[in-house]
């Protein structure tokens, strides 16, 4: 599960343009690895192999399990230049799949609310390798202002417009692991990096206390130092339980407050609404999303 994603700021556009001129490998024959530059530092080059993924998208990484019908609600606050706002995200694992670059992904549907109003409705696409690493293949985030739909300018899909999939969760998170790219989409100014900074932490949130918490530091290496970092706390067997911020003028603090298992009827309704959004994407994002295969009920 993800809460609001970090974006490259306008102030780093010049750096982004320089980075965009570097040579990035393109997809080769089936089974061939695809690499990129080390966007998050030494050892962070993206190595994408479509043959490494499961045929059926069973995502059971203990830190990032996505079981259809599970719903997680996180709530908290976002502090920005215009004040402090209440923030809530409902993460729902749908029963939908979507094929991206030959890989069948699981569709996660996030509904993001600020001060009680829908701010963003996002479809995100994940798949797990046979070794247990979970990858993010793209996002279709519809944006809303004052309750009105205004577009989805931050849409990105692996393999289109130079976007590349990245690692959402390592199979075996280690303090000694190098930083890793969580996703890279230069056309929409998107770059997230992750770094495992703590393990076996004790964290209490409304859903309970957890003693096995893994802490991931997320940042954008192209951001100025004052942009700050985001910290995400994952409990084994539960997933994301807490989000905090370190530094930066815009800060988000969230706790897991509810875990729900949807009924078959509720999951069918979720699938129906997510399919409506998927279909709308073919009109809203003609240059990117319209080039993907339609989502399907598994």
C-alpha atoms as a PDB file:
ATOM      1  CA  UNK A   1       0.000   0.000   0.000  1.00  0.00           C
ATOM      2  CA  UNK A   2       1.135   3.524  -0.670  1.00  0.00           C
ATOM      3  CA  UNK A   3      -0.095   6.834   0.590  1.00  0.00           C
ATOM      4  CA  UNK A   4       0.548  10.011  -1.376  1.00  0.00           C
ATOM      5  CA  UNK A   5       3.570   9.551  -3.608  1.00  0.00           C
ATOM      6  CA  UNK A   6       6.526  11.919  -3.628  1.00  0.00           C
ATOM      7  CA  UNK A   7       6.926  14.051  -6.753  1.00  0.00           C
ATOM      8  CA  UNK A   8       9.891  15.842  -8.230  1.00  0.00           C
ATOM      9  CA  UNK A   9       9.540  19.560  -7.567  1.00  0.00           C
ATOM     10  CA  UNK A  10       9.559  22.187 -10.286  1.00  0.00           C
ATOM     11  CA  UNK A  11      12.837  23.521  -8.929  1.00  0.00           C
ATOM     12  CA  UNK A  12      14.616  20.354 -10.000  1.00  0.00           C
ATOM     13  CA  UNK A  13      13.422  20.412 -13.608  1.00  0.00           C
ATOM     14  CA  UNK A  14      16.847  21.403 -14.924  1.00  0.00           C
ATOM     15  CA  UNK A  15      18.441  18.450 -13.162  1.00  0.00           C
ATOM     16  CA  UNK A  16      15.716  16.203 -14.517  1.00  0.00           C
ATOM     17  CA  UNK A  17      16.430  17.332 -18.054  1.00  0.00           C
ATOM     18  CA  UNK A  18      20.110  16.539 -17.583  1.00  0.00           C
ATOM     19  CA  UNK A  19      19.253  13.152 -16.179  1.00  0.00           C
ATOM     20  CA  UNK A  20      16.893  12.510 -19.071  1.00  0.00           C
ATOM     21  CA  UNK A  21      19.747  12.883 -21.542  1.00  0.00           C
ATOM     22  CA  UNK A  22      21.594   9.910 -20.050  1.00  0.00           C
ATOM     23  CA  UNK A  23      21.402   6.662 -21.957  1.00  0.00           C
ATOM     24  CA  UNK A  24      18.717   4.319 -20.648  1.00  0.00           C
ATOM     25  CA  UNK A  25      18.495   0.756 -21.913  1.00  0.00           C
ATOM     26  CA  UNK A  26      15.324  -0.170 -23.744  1.00  0.00           C
ATOM     27  CA  UNK A  27      13.391  -3.396 -23.513  1.00  0.00           C
ATOM     28  CA  UNK A  28      15.119  -6.239 -25.281  1.00  0.00           C
ATOM     29  CA  UNK A  29      13.987  -9.693 -26.350  1.00  0.00           C
ATOM     30  CA  UNK A  30      11.739 -11.670 -24.043  1.00  0.00           C
ATOM     31  CA  UNK A  31      13.669 -12.737 -20.968  1.00  0.00           C
ATOM     32  CA  UNK A  32      16.408 -10.157 -21.427  1.00  0.00           C
ATOM     33  CA  UNK A  33      17.240  -7.908 -18.494  1.00  0.00           C
ATOM     34  CA  UNK A  34      16.679  -4.187 -18.822  1.00  0.00           C
ATOM     35  CA  UNK A  35      18.893  -1.835 -16.827  1.00  0.00           C
ATOM     36  CA  UNK A  36      18.973   1.873 -16.155  1.00  0.00           C
ATOM     37  CA  UNK A  37      21.427   4.246 -14.596  1.00  0.00           C
ATOM     38  CA  UNK A  38      21.873   4.177 -10.837  1.00  0.00           C
ATOM     39  CA  UNK A  39      19.210   6.792 -10.140  1.00  0.00           C
ATOM     40  CA  UNK A  40      19.294   6.232  -6.368  1.00  0.00           C
ATOM     41  CA  UNK A  41      23.033   5.768  -5.950  1.00  0.00           C
ATOM     42  CA  UNK A  42      25.474   2.858  -6.250  1.00  0.00           C
ATOM     43  CA  UNK A  43      23.800  -0.498  -6.738  1.00  0.00           C
ATOM     44  CA  UNK A  44      20.403   0.960  -7.591  1.00  0.00           C
ATOM     45  CA  UNK A  45      20.295   0.243 -11.325  1.00  0.00           C
ATOM     46  CA  UNK A  46      16.903  -1.136 -12.366  1.00  0.00           C
ATOM     47  CA  UNK A  47      17.036  -4.723 -13.595  1.00  0.00           C
ATOM     48  CA  UNK A  48      13.702  -5.715 -15.082  1.00  0.00           C
ATOM     49  CA  UNK A  49      13.141  -9.272 -16.302  1.00  0.00           C
ATOM     50  CA  UNK A  50       9.545 -10.072 -17.335  1.00  0.00           C
ATOM     51  CA  UNK A  51      10.224 -13.805 -17.046  1.00  0.00           C
ATOM     52  CA  UNK A  52      10.953 -13.457 -13.315  1.00  0.00           C
ATOM     53  CA  UNK A  53       7.314 -12.737 -12.460  1.00  0.00           C
ATOM     54  CA  UNK A  54       4.572 -15.175 -11.569  1.00  0.00           C
ATOM     55  CA  UNK A  55       2.015 -16.026 -14.234  1.00  0.00           C
ATOM     56  CA  UNK A  56      -0.771 -15.414 -11.713  1.00  0.00           C
ATOM     57  CA  UNK A  57      -0.307 -12.279  -9.576  1.00  0.00           C
ATOM     58  CA  UNK A  58      -0.199 -13.766  -6.078  1.00  0.00           C
ATOM     59  CA  UNK A  59       1.385 -11.082  -3.924  1.00  0.00           C
ATOM     60  CA  UNK A  60       2.241 -12.643  -0.573  1.00  0.00           C
ATOM     61  CA  UNK A  61       5.408 -10.804   0.439  1.00  0.00           C
ATOM     62  CA  UNK A  62       4.882 -10.643   4.247  1.00  0.00           C
ATOM     63  CA  UNK A  63       5.651  -6.925   4.342  1.00  0.00           C
ATOM     64  CA  UNK A  64       3.481  -6.074   1.325  1.00  0.00           C
ATOM     65  CA  UNK A  65       0.794  -8.716   0.848  1.00  0.00           C
ATOM     66  CA  UNK A  66      -2.068  -7.799  -1.494  1.00  0.00           C
ATOM     67  CA  UNK A  67      -4.956 -10.212  -0.995  1.00  0.00           C
ATOM     68  CA  UNK A  68      -8.100  -9.348  -3.010  1.00  0.00           C
ATOM     69  CA  UNK A  69     -10.860  -8.114  -0.739  1.00  0.00           C
ATOM     70  CA  UNK A  70      -8.584  -6.637   1.917  1.00  0.00           C
ATOM     71  CA  UNK A  71      -9.092  -2.971   2.743  1.00  0.00           C
ATOM     72  CA  UNK A  72      -6.849  -0.793   4.905  1.00  0.00           C
ATOM     73  CA  UNK A  73      -7.635   2.716   6.130  1.00  0.00           C
ATOM     74  CA  UNK A  74      -4.927   5.148   7.209  1.00  0.00           C
ATOM     75  CA  UNK A  75      -5.682   8.555   8.684  1.00  0.00           C
ATOM     76  CA  UNK A  76      -3.679  11.532   9.897  1.00  0.00           C
ATOM     77  CA  UNK A  77      -2.666  15.007   8.852  1.00  0.00           C
ATOM     78  CA  UNK A  78      -0.818  16.829   6.114  1.00  0.00           C
ATOM     79  CA  UNK A  79       0.974  20.054   7.002  1.00  0.00           C
ATOM     80  CA  UNK A  80       1.746  22.458   4.161  1.00  0.00           C
ATOM     81  CA  UNK A  81       2.167  26.168   3.548  1.00  0.00           C
ATOM     82  CA  UNK A  82      -1.591  26.726   3.797  1.00  0.00           C
ATOM     83  CA  UNK A  83      -1.988  24.970   7.140  1.00  0.00           C
ATOM     84  CA  UNK A  84      -2.791  21.570   8.618  1.00  0.00           C
ATOM     85  CA  UNK A  85      -5.334  19.336   6.876  1.00  0.00           C
ATOM     86  CA  UNK A  86      -6.933  16.056   7.858  1.00  0.00           C
ATOM     87  CA  UNK A  87      -5.964  13.237   5.529  1.00  0.00           C
ATOM     88  CA  UNK A  88      -7.386   9.759   5.017  1.00  0.00           C
ATOM     89  CA  UNK A  89      -6.580   7.056   2.484  1.00  0.00           C
ATOM     90  CA  UNK A  90      -8.618   3.912   1.868  1.00  0.00           C
ATOM     91  CA  UNK A  91      -6.443   1.234   0.242  1.00  0.00           C
ATOM     92  CA  UNK A  92      -8.471  -1.574  -1.351  1.00  0.00           C
ATOM     93  CA  UNK A  93      -7.016  -4.662  -2.995  1.00  0.00           C
ATOM     94  CA  UNK A  94      -9.298  -5.366  -5.928  1.00  0.00           C
ATOM     95  CA  UNK A  95     -10.047  -8.635  -7.666  1.00  0.00           C
ATOM     96  CA  UNK A  96      -8.763  -7.098 -10.900  1.00  0.00           C
ATOM     97  CA  UNK A  97      -5.637  -7.767 -12.925  1.00  0.00           C
ATOM     98  CA  UNK A  98      -4.004  -5.745 -15.693  1.00  0.00           C
ATOM     99  CA  UNK A  99      -1.323  -6.898 -18.096  1.00  0.00           C
ATOM    100  CA  UNK A 100       1.599  -4.495 -18.446  1.00  0.00           C
ATOM    101  CA  UNK A 101       4.569  -5.282 -20.693  1.00  0.00           C
ATOM    102  CA  UNK A 102       3.776  -8.985 -20.620  1.00  0.00           C
ATOM    103  CA  UNK A 103       3.358  -9.170 -16.814  1.00  0.00           C
ATOM    104  CA  UNK A 104      -0.003  -9.716 -15.141  1.00  0.00           C
ATOM    105  CA  UNK A 105      -0.325  -7.217 -12.300  1.00  0.00           C
ATOM    106  CA  UNK A 106      -2.697  -6.878  -9.363  1.00  0.00           C
ATOM    107  CA  UNK A 107      -4.766  -3.674  -9.216  1.00  0.00           C
ATOM    108  CA  UNK A 108      -4.797  -1.669  -5.984  1.00  0.00           C
ATOM    109  CA  UNK A 109      -7.440   1.079  -5.679  1.00  0.00           C
ATOM    110  CA  UNK A 110      -6.616   3.995  -3.366  1.00  0.00           C
ATOM    111  CA  UNK A 111      -9.070   6.747  -2.438  1.00  0.00           C
ATOM    112  CA  UNK A 112      -7.338   9.777  -0.927  1.00  0.00           C
ATOM    113  CA  UNK A 113      -9.353  12.334   1.065  1.00  0.00           C
ATOM    114  CA  UNK A 114      -8.270  15.713   2.445  1.00  0.00           C
ATOM    115  CA  UNK A 115     -10.524  17.584   4.869  1.00  0.00           C
ATOM    116  CA  UNK A 116     -13.273  15.128   3.972  1.00  0.00           C
ATOM    117  CA  UNK A 117     -13.154  15.740   0.216  1.00  0.00           C
ATOM    118  CA  UNK A 118     -11.882  13.315  -2.388  1.00  0.00           C
ATOM    119  CA  UNK A 119      -8.465  14.510  -3.508  1.00  0.00           C
ATOM    120  CA  UNK A 120      -7.278  11.567  -5.593  1.00  0.00           C
ATOM    121  CA  UNK A 121      -8.559   8.213  -6.817  1.00  0.00           C
ATOM    122  CA  UNK A 122      -5.700   6.028  -7.934  1.00  0.00           C
ATOM    123  CA  UNK A 123      -5.278   2.661  -9.618  1.00  0.00           C
ATOM    124  CA  UNK A 124      -1.806   1.242  -8.960  1.00  0.00           C
ATOM    125  CA  UNK A 125      -0.367  -1.937 -10.461  1.00  0.00           C
ATOM    126  CA  UNK A 126       1.827  -4.451  -8.642  1.00  0.00           C
ATOM    127  CA  UNK A 127       3.372  -7.837  -9.382  1.00  0.00           C
ATOM    128  CA  UNK A 128       5.657 -10.145  -7.437  1.00  0.00           C
ATOM    129  CA  UNK A 129       8.619 -12.092  -8.724  1.00  0.00           C
ATOM    130  CA  UNK A 130       8.931 -15.775  -7.943  1.00  0.00           C
ATOM    131  CA  UNK A 131      11.689 -14.742  -5.545  1.00  0.00           C
ATOM    132  CA  UNK A 132       9.274 -12.582  -3.543  1.00  0.00           C
ATOM    133  CA  UNK A 133      10.155  -9.001  -4.566  1.00  0.00           C
ATOM    134  CA  UNK A 134       7.116  -6.796  -5.241  1.00  0.00           C
ATOM    135  CA  UNK A 135       7.332  -4.316  -8.124  1.00  0.00           C
ATOM    136  CA  UNK A 136       5.257  -1.238  -8.936  1.00  0.00           C
ATOM    137  CA  UNK A 137       4.381  -1.093 -12.661  1.00  0.00           C
ATOM    138  CA  UNK A 138       2.565   2.213 -12.797  1.00  0.00           C
ATOM    139  CA  UNK A 139      -0.219   4.426 -11.539  1.00  0.00           C
ATOM    140  CA  UNK A 140      -3.354   6.055 -12.918  1.00  0.00           C
ATOM    141  CA  UNK A 141      -4.142   8.779 -10.327  1.00  0.00           C
ATOM    142  CA  UNK A 142      -7.255  10.822 -11.033  1.00  0.00           C
ATOM    143  CA  UNK A 143      -7.167  14.216  -9.334  1.00  0.00           C
ATOM    144  CA  UNK A 144     -10.106  16.152  -7.875  1.00  0.00           C
ATOM    145  CA  UNK A 145     -10.580  19.762  -6.788  1.00  0.00           C
ATOM    146  CA  UNK A 146     -13.604  20.791  -4.714  1.00  0.00           C
ATOM    147  CA  UNK A 147     -15.130  17.426  -5.505  1.00  0.00           C
ATOM    148  CA  UNK A 148     -14.761  17.857  -9.262  1.00  0.00           C
ATOM    149  CA  UNK A 149     -12.606  15.657 -11.493  1.00  0.00           C
ATOM    150  CA  UNK A 150      -9.786  17.691 -13.090  1.00  0.00           C
ATOM    151  CA  UNK A 151      -7.639  15.071 -14.842  1.00  0.00           C
ATOM    152  CA  UNK A 152      -4.844  12.567 -14.339  1.00  0.00           C
ATOM    153  CA  UNK A 153      -1.638  14.344 -15.393  1.00  0.00           C
ATOM    154  CA  UNK A 154       0.656  12.149 -13.273  1.00  0.00           C
ATOM    155  CA  UNK A 155      -0.249   8.879 -15.000  1.00  0.00           C
ATOM    156  CA  UNK A 156       2.682   6.606 -15.778  1.00  0.00           C
ATOM    157  CA  UNK A 157       2.963   3.019 -16.978  1.00  0.00           C
ATOM    158  CA  UNK A 158       6.092   0.894 -17.196  1.00  0.00           C
ATOM    159  CA  UNK A 159       7.375   0.658 -20.755  1.00  0.00           C
ATOM    160  CA  UNK A 160       5.549   3.768 -21.983  1.00  0.00           C
ATOM    161  CA  UNK A 161       7.001   7.287 -22.298  1.00  0.00           C
ATOM    162  CA  UNK A 162      10.302   6.070 -20.799  1.00  0.00           C
ATOM    163  CA  UNK A 163       8.691   5.043 -17.507  1.00  0.00           C
ATOM    164  CA  UNK A 164      10.247   2.122 -15.682  1.00  0.00           C
ATOM    165  CA  UNK A 165       8.876  -0.184 -13.019  1.00  0.00           C
ATOM    166  CA  UNK A 166      10.573  -0.161  -9.629  1.00  0.00           C
ATOM    167  CA  UNK A 167      10.673  -2.106  -6.389  1.00  0.00           C
ATOM    168  CA  UNK A 168       7.805  -1.583  -3.954  1.00  0.00           C
ATOM    169  CA  UNK A 169       9.184  -4.084  -1.424  1.00  0.00           C
ATOM    170  CA  UNK A 170      12.285  -6.242  -1.355  1.00  0.00           C
ATOM    171  CA  UNK A 171      11.889  -9.979  -0.867  1.00  0.00           C
ATOM    172  CA  UNK A 172      14.339  -9.852   2.027  1.00  0.00           C
ATOM    173  CA  UNK A 173      14.695  -6.287   3.317  1.00  0.00           C
ATOM    174  CA  UNK A 174      18.175  -5.786   4.722  1.00  0.00           C
ATOM    175  CA  UNK A 175      19.939  -2.894   6.406  1.00  0.00           C
ATOM    176  CA  UNK A 176      22.921  -3.591   4.188  1.00  0.00           C
ATOM    177  CA  UNK A 177      20.929  -3.485   0.930  1.00  0.00           C
ATOM    178  CA  UNK A 178      21.657  -0.567  -1.409  1.00  0.00           C
ATOM    179  CA  UNK A 179      19.039   2.107  -2.006  1.00  0.00           C
ATOM    180  CA  UNK A 180      16.591   1.103  -4.748  1.00  0.00           C
ATOM    181  CA  UNK A 181      14.374   2.775  -7.324  1.00  0.00           C
ATOM    182  CA  UNK A 182      10.674   2.491  -6.475  1.00  0.00           C
ATOM    183  CA  UNK A 183       9.603   3.860  -9.869  1.00  0.00           C
ATOM    184  CA  UNK A 184      10.930   6.245 -12.513  1.00  0.00           C
ATOM    185  CA  UNK A 185       8.807   8.240 -14.947  1.00  0.00           C
ATOM    186  CA  UNK A 186      10.661  11.271 -16.333  1.00  0.00           C
ATOM    187  CA  UNK A 187       7.759  12.494 -18.468  1.00  0.00           C
ATOM    188  CA  UNK A 188       5.687  13.171 -15.343  1.00  0.00           C
ATOM    189  CA  UNK A 189       8.597  14.178 -13.094  1.00  0.00           C
ATOM    190  CA  UNK A 190       8.396  11.049 -10.936  1.00  0.00           C
ATOM    191  CA  UNK A 191      11.296   9.443  -9.106  1.00  0.00           C
ATOM    192  CA  UNK A 192      11.107   7.661  -5.754  1.00  0.00           C
ATOM    193  CA  UNK A 193      13.979   5.952  -3.946  1.00  0.00           C
ATOM    194  CA  UNK A 194      13.793   3.591  -0.971  1.00  0.00           C
ATOM    195  CA  UNK A 195      16.280   2.665   1.722  1.00  0.00           C
ATOM    196  CA  UNK A 196      15.857   0.143   4.565  1.00  0.00           C
ATOM    197  CA  UNK A 197      16.927   2.049   7.673  1.00  0.00           C
ATOM    198  CA  UNK A 198      15.506   0.089  10.646  1.00  0.00           C
ATOM    199  CA  UNK A 199      14.159  -3.351  11.528  1.00  0.00           C
ATOM    200  CA  UNK A 200      12.389  -4.910  14.513  1.00  0.00           C
ATOM    201  CA  UNK A 201      10.971  -1.611  15.723  1.00  0.00           C
ATOM    202  CA  UNK A 202       8.061  -1.300  18.185  1.00  0.00           C
ATOM    203  CA  UNK A 203       5.160   0.821  16.915  1.00  0.00           C
ATOM    204  CA  UNK A 204       1.658   1.345  18.289  1.00  0.00           C
ATOM    205  CA  UNK A 205      -1.238   2.607  16.135  1.00  0.00           C
ATOM    206  CA  UNK A 206      -5.031   2.317  16.529  1.00  0.00           C
ATOM    207  CA  UNK A 207      -5.049  -1.217  15.066  1.00  0.00           C
ATOM    208  CA  UNK A 208      -2.580  -2.446  17.684  1.00  0.00           C
ATOM    209  CA  UNK A 209       1.055  -2.587  18.720  1.00  0.00           C
ATOM    210  CA  UNK A 210       3.645  -4.206  16.479  1.00  0.00           C
ATOM    211  CA  UNK A 211       7.121  -5.423  17.489  1.00  0.00           C
ATOM    212  CA  UNK A 212       8.532  -6.410  14.108  1.00  0.00           C
ATOM    213  CA  UNK A 213       8.315  -3.131  12.220  1.00  0.00           C
ATOM    214  CA  UNK A 214      10.466  -2.451   9.164  1.00  0.00           C
ATOM    215  CA  UNK A 215      11.198   1.225   8.392  1.00  0.00           C
ATOM    216  CA  UNK A 216      11.766   2.424   4.823  1.00  0.00           C
ATOM    217  CA  UNK A 217      13.123   5.903   4.141  1.00  0.00           C
ATOM    218  CA  UNK A 218      11.745   7.361   0.895  1.00  0.00           C
ATOM    219  CA  UNK A 219      13.209  10.330  -0.916  1.00  0.00           C
ATOM    220  CA  UNK A 220      13.752  11.965  -4.265  1.00  0.00           C
ATOM    221  CA  UNK A 221      17.482  12.444  -4.973  1.00  0.00           C
ATOM    222  CA  UNK A 222      16.707  15.367  -7.287  1.00  0.00           C
ATOM    223  CA  UNK A 223      14.846  17.306  -4.599  1.00  0.00           C
ATOM    224  CA  UNK A 224      16.610  20.120  -2.736  1.00  0.00           C
ATOM    225  CA  UNK A 225      17.713  19.210   0.823  1.00  0.00           C
ATOM    226  CA  UNK A 226      14.820  21.172   2.353  1.00  0.00           C
ATOM    227  CA  UNK A 227      12.294  18.861   0.671  1.00  0.00           C
ATOM    228  CA  UNK A 228      12.689  16.275   3.429  1.00  0.00           C
ATOM    229  CA  UNK A 229      12.097  12.517   3.463  1.00  0.00           C
ATOM    230  CA  UNK A 230       9.092  10.284   4.108  1.00  0.00           C
ATOM    231  CA  UNK A 231       9.310   7.283   6.433  1.00  0.00           C
ATOM    232  CA  UNK A 232       7.027   4.269   6.014  1.00  0.00           C
ATOM    233  CA  UNK A 233       6.618   1.617   8.703  1.00  0.00           C
ATOM    234  CA  UNK A 234       5.659  -1.934   7.723  1.00  0.00           C
ATOM    235  CA  UNK A 235       4.693  -4.775  10.036  1.00  0.00           C
ATOM    236  CA  UNK A 236       5.248  -8.352   8.909  1.00  0.00           C
ATOM    237  CA  UNK A 237       1.916  -9.946   8.086  1.00  0.00           C
ATOM    238  CA  UNK A 238       0.026  -6.627   8.135  1.00  0.00           C
ATOM    239  CA  UNK A 239       1.806  -4.220   5.813  1.00  0.00           C
ATOM    240  CA  UNK A 240       1.878  -0.431   6.105  1.00  0.00           C
ATOM    241  CA  UNK A 241       1.014   0.708   9.643  1.00  0.00           C
ATOM    242  CA  UNK A 242       2.483   4.208   9.898  1.00  0.00           C
ATOM    243  CA  UNK A 243       3.832   7.119   7.812  1.00  0.00           C
ATOM    244  CA  UNK A 244       5.946   9.972   9.138  1.00  0.00           C
ATOM    245  CA  UNK A 245       8.054  12.805   7.715  1.00  0.00           C
ATOM    246  CA  UNK A 246      11.586  13.982   8.414  1.00  0.00           C
ATOM    247  CA  UNK A 247      12.355  17.551   7.405  1.00  0.00           C
ATOM    248  CA  UNK A 248      10.655  19.368   4.574  1.00  0.00           C
ATOM    249  CA  UNK A 249       7.952  22.016   4.494  1.00  0.00           C
ATOM    250  CA  UNK A 250       5.168  19.590   3.460  1.00  0.00           C
ATOM    251  CA  UNK A 251       4.805  16.807   6.006  1.00  0.00           C
ATOM    252  CA  UNK A 252       2.444  13.838   6.195  1.00  0.00           C
ATOM    253  CA  UNK A 253       1.722  11.767   9.307  1.00  0.00           C
ATOM    254  CA  UNK A 254      -0.586   8.757   9.006  1.00  0.00           C
ATOM    255  CA  UNK A 255      -1.575   5.732  11.124  1.00  0.00           C
ATOM    256  CA  UNK A 256      -3.369   2.531  10.208  1.00  0.00           C
ATOM    257  CA  UNK A 257      -6.785   2.788  11.865  1.00  0.00           C
ATOM    258  CA  UNK A 258      -8.843  -0.002  10.314  1.00  0.00           C
ATOM    259  CA  UNK A 259      -8.402  -3.369   8.581  1.00  0.00           C
ATOM    260  CA  UNK A 260     -11.470  -4.760   6.792  1.00  0.00           C
ATOM    261  CA  UNK A 261     -12.165  -7.946   4.879  1.00  0.00           C
ATOM    262  CA  UNK A 262     -14.771  -7.169   2.231  1.00  0.00           C
ATOM    263  CA  UNK A 263     -17.686  -9.469   1.562  1.00  0.00           C
ATOM    264  CA  UNK A 264     -18.078 -10.990  -1.893  1.00  0.00           C
ATOM    265  CA  UNK A 265     -20.757  -8.402  -2.696  1.00  0.00           C
ATOM    266  CA  UNK A 266     -18.558  -5.537  -1.496  1.00  0.00           C
ATOM    267  CA  UNK A 267     -15.613  -6.793  -3.546  1.00  0.00           C
ATOM    268  CA  UNK A 268     -17.828  -7.028  -6.621  1.00  0.00           C
ATOM    269  CA  UNK A 269     -18.856  -3.397  -6.102  1.00  0.00           C
ATOM    270  CA  UNK A 270     -15.210  -2.343  -5.694  1.00  0.00           C
ATOM    271  CA  UNK A 271     -14.302  -4.207  -8.882  1.00  0.00           C
ATOM    272  CA  UNK A 272     -17.120  -2.475 -10.731  1.00  0.00           C
ATOM    273  CA  UNK A 273     -16.040   1.005  -9.621  1.00  0.00           C
ATOM    274  CA  UNK A 274     -12.364   0.320 -10.343  1.00  0.00           C
ATOM    275  CA  UNK A 275     -13.293  -0.963 -13.813  1.00  0.00           C
ATOM    276  CA  UNK A 276     -15.194   2.273 -14.453  1.00  0.00           C
ATOM    277  CA  UNK A 277     -12.084   4.249 -13.582  1.00  0.00           C
ATOM    278  CA  UNK A 278      -9.929   1.970 -15.715  1.00  0.00           C
ATOM    279  CA  UNK A 279     -12.255   2.525 -18.697  1.00  0.00           C
ATOM    280  CA  UNK A 280     -12.278   6.285 -18.116  1.00  0.00           C
ATOM    281  CA  UNK A 281      -8.490   6.295 -18.309  1.00  0.00           C
ATOM    282  CA  UNK A 282      -8.647   5.452 -22.013  1.00  0.00           C
ATOM    283  CA  UNK A 283     -10.233   8.833 -22.650  1.00  0.00           C
ATOM    284  CA  UNK A 284      -8.402  10.837 -20.005  1.00  0.00           C
ATOM    285  CA  UNK A 285      -4.889   9.563 -20.804  1.00  0.00           C
ATOM    286  CA  UNK A 286      -4.921   8.829 -24.522  1.00  0.00           C
ATOM    287  CA  UNK A 287      -1.155   8.982 -24.973  1.00  0.00           C
ATOM    288  CA  UNK A 288      -0.275   6.590 -22.137  1.00  0.00           C
ATOM    289  CA  UNK A 289      -3.076   4.733 -20.378  1.00  0.00           C
ATOM    290  CA  UNK A 290      -5.019   4.112 -23.573  1.00  0.00           C
ATOM    291  CA  UNK A 291      -2.088   1.996 -24.772  1.00  0.00           C
ATOM    292  CA  UNK A 292      -2.562  -0.568 -21.983  1.00  0.00           C
ATOM    293  CA  UNK A 293      -4.723  -3.687 -21.982  1.00  0.00           C
ATOM    294  CA  UNK A 294      -8.043  -3.249 -20.124  1.00  0.00           C
ATOM    295  CA  UNK A 295      -8.220  -4.432 -16.525  1.00  0.00           C
ATOM    296  CA  UNK A 296      -9.950  -7.773 -16.037  1.00  0.00           C
ATOM    297  CA  UNK A 297     -11.811  -9.483 -13.218  1.00  0.00           C
ATOM    298  CA  UNK A 298      -9.636 -12.383 -12.157  1.00  0.00           C
END
